Protein backbone atom coordinates (compact mmCIF):
# COMPACT_ATOMS: atom_id res chain seq x y z
CA MET A 1 -31.44 -27.11 2.18
CA LYS A 2 -28.22 -28.88 1.39
CA THR A 3 -24.96 -27.03 0.78
CA THR A 4 -21.82 -28.65 -0.57
CA ILE A 5 -18.65 -26.58 -0.76
CA PHE A 6 -16.36 -27.62 -3.62
CA HIS A 7 -13.62 -25.03 -3.24
CA ALA A 8 -12.86 -22.48 -0.52
CA GLU A 9 -9.81 -20.27 -0.23
CA LEU A 10 -8.51 -17.38 1.82
CA ILE A 11 -6.56 -14.54 0.20
CA ASP A 12 -3.90 -12.60 2.10
CA LYS A 13 -2.66 -9.01 1.72
CA ASN A 14 -0.03 -10.06 -0.84
CA GLY A 15 -2.55 -11.87 -3.06
CA LYS A 16 -1.42 -15.36 -2.07
CA THR A 17 -4.18 -17.94 -1.63
CA LYS A 18 -4.61 -20.67 0.94
CA ARG A 19 -7.17 -23.46 0.66
CA HIS A 20 -9.60 -23.79 3.54
CA ASN A 21 -12.11 -26.48 4.54
CA GLY A 22 -15.06 -24.11 4.61
CA ARG A 23 -16.08 -20.77 6.00
CA PRO A 24 -13.54 -19.59 8.55
CA SER A 25 -14.71 -18.88 12.08
CA LYS A 26 -14.54 -15.48 13.71
CA LYS A 27 -11.89 -16.83 16.10
CA PHE A 28 -9.74 -18.02 13.18
CA LEU A 29 -10.02 -14.64 11.45
CA LYS A 30 -9.09 -12.78 14.65
CA ASN A 31 -5.94 -14.92 15.00
CA ASN A 32 -4.99 -14.61 11.29
CA LYS A 33 -5.28 -10.94 10.42
CA GLN A 34 -3.19 -11.34 7.26
CA PHE A 35 -6.26 -12.57 5.33
CA VAL A 36 -8.31 -9.88 3.59
CA ALA A 37 -10.68 -11.91 1.37
CA TYR A 38 -12.45 -15.27 1.16
CA GLU A 39 -13.92 -17.07 -1.88
CA GLU A 40 -16.24 -20.06 -1.93
CA THR A 41 -17.68 -22.22 -4.73
CA GLY A 42 -20.23 -24.95 -4.21
CA LEU A 43 -23.70 -26.37 -4.74
CA PHE A 44 -26.74 -25.07 -2.84
CA ASN A 45 -29.90 -27.09 -3.53
CA GLU A 46 -29.86 -27.15 -7.37
CA PHE A 47 -27.67 -24.09 -7.92
CA TYR A 48 -23.92 -23.86 -8.46
CA TYR A 49 -22.69 -20.72 -6.76
CA THR A 50 -19.58 -18.59 -6.30
CA THR A 51 -19.49 -16.09 -3.47
CA LYS A 52 -16.74 -13.58 -2.69
CA PHE A 53 -16.27 -11.93 0.68
CA LYS A 54 -13.98 -9.25 2.04
CA ILE A 55 -12.76 -9.59 5.60
CA GLU A 56 -13.02 -6.62 7.96
CA ASP A 57 -12.69 -6.81 11.74
CA ALA A 58 -12.81 -10.63 11.63
CA ARG A 59 -16.16 -10.56 9.79
CA LEU A 60 -17.05 -11.84 6.33
CA ILE A 61 -18.78 -9.19 4.24
CA GLU A 62 -20.30 -10.44 0.98
CA ILE A 63 -19.23 -8.41 -2.05
CA SER A 64 -20.20 -10.68 -4.94
CA ASP A 65 -22.55 -13.59 -5.56
CA ASN A 66 -23.15 -15.58 -8.74
CA GLU A 67 -25.31 -18.65 -9.21
CA ILE A 68 -26.51 -20.81 -12.08
CA HIS A 69 -29.04 -23.65 -12.08
CA GLU A 70 -27.50 -27.09 -12.56
CA ARG A 71 -29.72 -27.78 -15.59
CA SER A 72 -28.20 -24.72 -17.32
CA VAL A 73 -24.63 -26.03 -17.14
CA ASN A 74 -23.17 -27.60 -20.27
CA LEU A 75 -21.06 -30.60 -19.30
CA TYR A 76 -19.52 -31.26 -22.72
């Protein structure tokens, strides 16, 4: 199973976003308590996906997941 992350960002309490290189570690989240949400978009096997997480107690809790097969995407 191959996963490629295209876009990842953290969202703070004021709604400001900060790009991130991938899923944040538990240590990072413990040291940066201002972040309350995380969003990730990428490709997993043959599916484009978008997953949204809320952050509680330095843990990522999935709240939304959407995926579409790459053959279903119109690239016009």
